Amino acid sequence: MSGDTELLKAIYDELKIIREELKKLSSKIELLEAGMIQEEEISEEEAKELDRLVEETKKNGIPWEKLKAELGL
């Protein structure tokens, strides 16, 4: 009976260690997932339009009133 008790205690101690390791891994996974940026595929036409808008913005900027309207402010 004493052998069974010691075995159960050893198993319990191992389970506590495993639980702590799982918590650490879970935290690391959460950090990795939080850092991931999902990429979205866009068409060539959309890419050209974005490039055009970038160039237009570089040249002219965005009027404050237009920006506020677009953002709903």
N, C-alpha and C. Protein backbone atom coordinates (compact mmCIF):
# COMPACT_ATOMS: atom_id res chain seq x y z
N MET A 1 0.82 -1.18 0.00
CA MET A 1 0.00 0.00 0.00
C MET A 1 0.87 1.26 0.00
N SER A 2 1.94 1.24 0.76
CA SER A 2 2.84 2.38 0.83
C SER A 2 3.46 2.66 -0.54
N GLY A 3 3.75 1.58 -1.28
CA GLY A 3 4.30 1.74 -2.62
C GLY A 3 3.32 2.42 -3.55
N ASP A 4 2.04 2.06 -3.42
CA ASP A 4 1.01 2.69 -4.24
C ASP A 4 0.89 4.17 -3.92
N THR A 5 0.97 4.51 -2.64
CA THR A 5 0.87 5.90 -2.22
C THR A 5 2.03 6.72 -2.78
N GLU A 6 3.22 6.15 -2.72
CA GLU A 6 4.40 6.84 -3.26
C GLU A 6 4.29 7.02 -4.76
N LEU A 7 3.79 5.99 -5.44
CA LEU A 7 3.62 6.06 -6.89
C LEU A 7 2.59 7.14 -7.25
N LEU A 8 1.48 7.17 -6.52
CA LEU A 8 0.46 8.18 -6.78
C LEU A 8 0.99 9.59 -6.52
N LYS A 9 1.79 9.75 -5.47
CA LYS A 9 2.38 11.06 -5.18
C LYS A 9 3.34 11.47 -6.29
N ALA A 10 4.13 10.52 -6.78
CA ALA A 10 5.07 10.82 -7.86
C ALA A 10 4.31 11.22 -9.13
N ILE A 11 3.24 10.51 -9.42
CA ILE A 11 2.42 10.84 -10.59
C ILE A 11 1.81 12.23 -10.43
N TYR A 12 1.30 12.51 -9.25
CA TYR A 12 0.71 13.82 -8.97
C TYR A 12 1.74 14.93 -9.14
N ASP A 13 2.95 14.72 -8.62
CA ASP A 13 4.01 15.72 -8.75
C ASP A 13 4.36 15.95 -10.22
N GLU A 14 4.42 14.88 -11.00
CA GLU A 14 4.70 15.01 -12.43
C GLU A 14 3.59 15.78 -13.14
N LEU A 15 2.35 15.50 -12.76
CA LEU A 15 1.22 16.21 -13.37
C LEU A 15 1.26 17.70 -13.06
N LYS A 16 1.69 18.07 -11.86
CA LYS A 16 1.81 19.49 -11.52
C LYS A 16 2.87 20.15 -12.40
N ILE A 17 3.97 19.46 -12.62
CA ILE A 17 5.04 20.00 -13.47
C ILE A 17 4.53 20.15 -14.90
N ILE A 18 3.84 19.13 -15.39
CA ILE A 18 3.30 19.17 -16.75
C ILE A 18 2.30 20.32 -16.89
N ARG A 19 1.46 20.52 -15.89
CA ARG A 19 0.47 21.60 -15.92
C ARG A 19 1.17 22.95 -16.02
N GLU A 20 2.24 23.15 -15.26
CA GLU A 20 2.98 24.41 -15.31
C GLU A 20 3.61 24.62 -16.68
N GLU A 21 4.16 23.55 -17.25
CA GLU A 21 4.76 23.65 -18.58
C GLU A 21 3.69 23.99 -19.62
N LEU A 22 2.52 23.40 -19.49
CA LEU A 22 1.42 23.71 -20.41
C LEU A 22 1.00 25.17 -20.30
N LYS A 23 0.98 25.70 -19.09
CA LYS A 23 0.64 27.12 -18.91
C LYS A 23 1.66 28.00 -19.62
N LYS A 24 2.95 27.66 -19.47
CA LYS A 24 4.01 28.44 -20.13
C LYS A 24 3.85 28.37 -21.64
N LEU A 25 3.61 27.18 -22.17
CA LEU A 25 3.44 27.01 -23.61
C LEU A 25 2.21 27.77 -24.10
N SER A 26 1.15 27.72 -23.34
CA SER A 26 -0.07 28.43 -23.71
C SER A 26 0.19 29.94 -23.79
N SER A 27 0.94 30.46 -22.84
CA SER A 27 1.28 31.88 -22.85
C SER A 27 2.12 32.23 -24.07
N LYS A 28 3.07 31.37 -24.41
CA LYS A 28 3.91 31.61 -25.58
C LYS A 28 3.07 31.58 -26.86
N ILE A 29 2.15 30.65 -26.94
CA ILE A 29 1.27 30.54 -28.11
C ILE A 29 0.43 31.81 -28.25
N GLU A 30 -0.11 32.29 -27.14
CA GLU A 30 -0.91 33.52 -27.17
C GLU A 30 -0.09 34.70 -27.68
N LEU A 31 1.16 34.79 -27.23
CA LEU A 31 2.02 35.88 -27.69
C LEU A 31 2.30 35.76 -29.18
N LEU A 32 2.55 34.54 -29.65
CA LEU A 32 2.80 34.33 -31.07
C LEU A 32 1.56 34.67 -31.90
N GLU A 33 0.40 34.23 -31.45
CA GLU A 33 -0.83 34.51 -32.18
C GLU A 33 -1.12 36.01 -32.20
N ALA A 34 -0.85 36.68 -31.12
CA ALA A 34 -1.09 38.13 -31.06
C ALA A 34 -0.18 38.87 -32.03
N GLY A 35 1.01 38.34 -32.25
CA GLY A 35 1.97 38.99 -33.13
C GLY A 35 1.77 38.69 -34.59
N MET A 36 0.96 37.72 -34.90
CA MET A 36 0.75 37.35 -36.30
C MET A 36 -0.16 38.36 -36.98
N ILE A 37 0.24 38.73 -38.16
CA ILE A 37 -0.58 39.62 -38.96
C ILE A 37 -1.06 38.80 -40.15
N GLN A 38 -2.35 38.73 -40.28
CA GLN A 38 -2.89 37.96 -41.39
C GLN A 38 -2.80 38.79 -42.65
N GLU A 39 -2.27 38.17 -43.69
CA GLU A 39 -2.16 38.84 -44.96
C GLU A 39 -3.40 38.58 -45.78
N GLU A 40 -3.78 39.59 -46.52
CA GLU A 40 -4.94 39.46 -47.38
C GLU A 40 -4.48 39.59 -48.82
N GLU A 41 -4.93 38.69 -49.65
CA GLU A 41 -4.58 38.77 -51.06
C GLU A 41 -5.44 39.85 -51.71
N ILE A 42 -4.79 40.65 -52.55
CA ILE A 42 -5.55 41.65 -53.30
C ILE A 42 -5.24 41.47 -54.78
N SER A 43 -6.17 41.90 -55.59
CA SER A 43 -5.99 41.76 -57.03
C SER A 43 -4.97 42.78 -57.53
N GLU A 44 -4.50 42.56 -58.74
CA GLU A 44 -3.55 43.49 -59.34
C GLU A 44 -4.20 44.87 -59.51
N GLU A 45 -5.48 44.87 -59.85
CA GLU A 45 -6.21 46.12 -60.01
C GLU A 45 -6.28 46.89 -58.68
N GLU A 46 -6.55 46.17 -57.59
CA GLU A 46 -6.60 46.81 -56.27
C GLU A 46 -5.23 47.34 -55.87
N ALA A 47 -4.18 46.60 -56.19
CA ALA A 47 -2.82 47.04 -55.87
C ALA A 47 -2.49 48.32 -56.63
N LYS A 48 -2.89 48.38 -57.91
CA LYS A 48 -2.64 49.59 -58.70
C LYS A 48 -3.40 50.78 -58.12
N GLU A 49 -4.63 50.55 -57.71
CA GLU A 49 -5.44 51.63 -57.12
C GLU A 49 -4.80 52.12 -55.82
N LEU A 50 -4.31 51.20 -55.01
CA LEU A 50 -3.64 51.61 -53.76
C LEU A 50 -2.38 52.41 -54.06
N ASP A 51 -1.61 51.96 -55.06
CA ASP A 51 -0.41 52.69 -55.45
C ASP A 51 -0.77 54.10 -55.92
N ARG A 52 -1.84 54.21 -56.70
CA ARG A 52 -2.29 55.51 -57.20
C ARG A 52 -2.67 56.42 -56.03
N LEU A 53 -3.40 55.85 -55.07
CA LEU A 53 -3.81 56.64 -53.91
C LEU A 53 -2.61 57.08 -53.07
N VAL A 54 -1.62 56.21 -52.96
CA VAL A 54 -0.41 56.56 -52.22
C VAL A 54 0.28 57.74 -52.88
N GLU A 55 0.43 57.67 -54.20
CA GLU A 55 1.09 58.76 -54.92
C GLU A 55 0.29 60.05 -54.82
N GLU A 56 -1.02 59.94 -54.95
CA GLU A 56 -1.87 61.13 -54.84
C GLU A 56 -1.75 61.76 -53.45
N THR A 57 -1.73 60.92 -52.44
CA THR A 57 -1.62 61.42 -51.07
C THR A 57 -0.26 62.06 -50.83
N LYS A 58 0.79 61.46 -51.40
CA LYS A 58 2.13 62.04 -51.25
C LYS A 58 2.18 63.43 -51.88
N LYS A 59 1.55 63.57 -53.04
CA LYS A 59 1.58 64.85 -53.76
C LYS A 59 0.70 65.90 -53.10
N ASN A 60 -0.51 65.51 -52.77
CA ASN A 60 -1.51 66.49 -52.35
C ASN A 60 -1.86 66.46 -50.87
N GLY A 61 -1.52 65.39 -50.21
CA GLY A 61 -1.96 65.24 -48.83
C GLY A 61 -3.46 64.96 -48.81
N ILE A 62 -4.03 64.92 -47.66
CA ILE A 62 -5.47 64.69 -47.53
C ILE A 62 -6.03 65.88 -46.78
N PRO A 63 -6.99 66.58 -47.40
CA PRO A 63 -7.61 67.71 -46.68
C PRO A 63 -8.26 67.23 -45.38
N TRP A 64 -8.08 68.02 -44.34
CA TRP A 64 -8.57 67.64 -43.01
C TRP A 64 -10.07 67.38 -43.02
N GLU A 65 -10.83 68.22 -43.69
CA GLU A 65 -12.28 68.05 -43.72
C GLU A 65 -12.67 66.74 -44.40
N LYS A 66 -11.99 66.40 -45.48
CA LYS A 66 -12.29 65.15 -46.19
C LYS A 66 -11.94 63.95 -45.30
N LEU A 67 -10.81 64.04 -44.62
CA LEU A 67 -10.40 62.95 -43.74
C LEU A 67 -11.40 62.77 -42.61
N LYS A 68 -11.82 63.86 -42.00
CA LYS A 68 -12.81 63.77 -40.92
C LYS A 68 -14.10 63.14 -41.43
N ALA A 69 -14.52 63.51 -42.63
CA ALA A 69 -15.75 62.95 -43.19
C ALA A 69 -15.60 61.45 -43.44
N GLU A 70 -14.45 61.05 -43.98
CA GLU A 70 -14.22 59.62 -44.25
C GLU A 70 -14.18 58.81 -42.96
N LEU A 71 -13.65 59.40 -41.91
CA LEU A 71 -13.55 58.70 -40.63
C LEU A 71 -14.81 58.84 -39.79
N GLY A 72 -15.74 59.63 -40.28
CA GLY A 72 -16.99 59.82 -39.55
C GLY A 72 -16.84 60.65 -38.29
N LEU A 73 -15.92 61.60 -38.32
CA LEU A 73 -15.69 62.45 -37.14
C LEU A 73 -16.44 63.75 -37.25
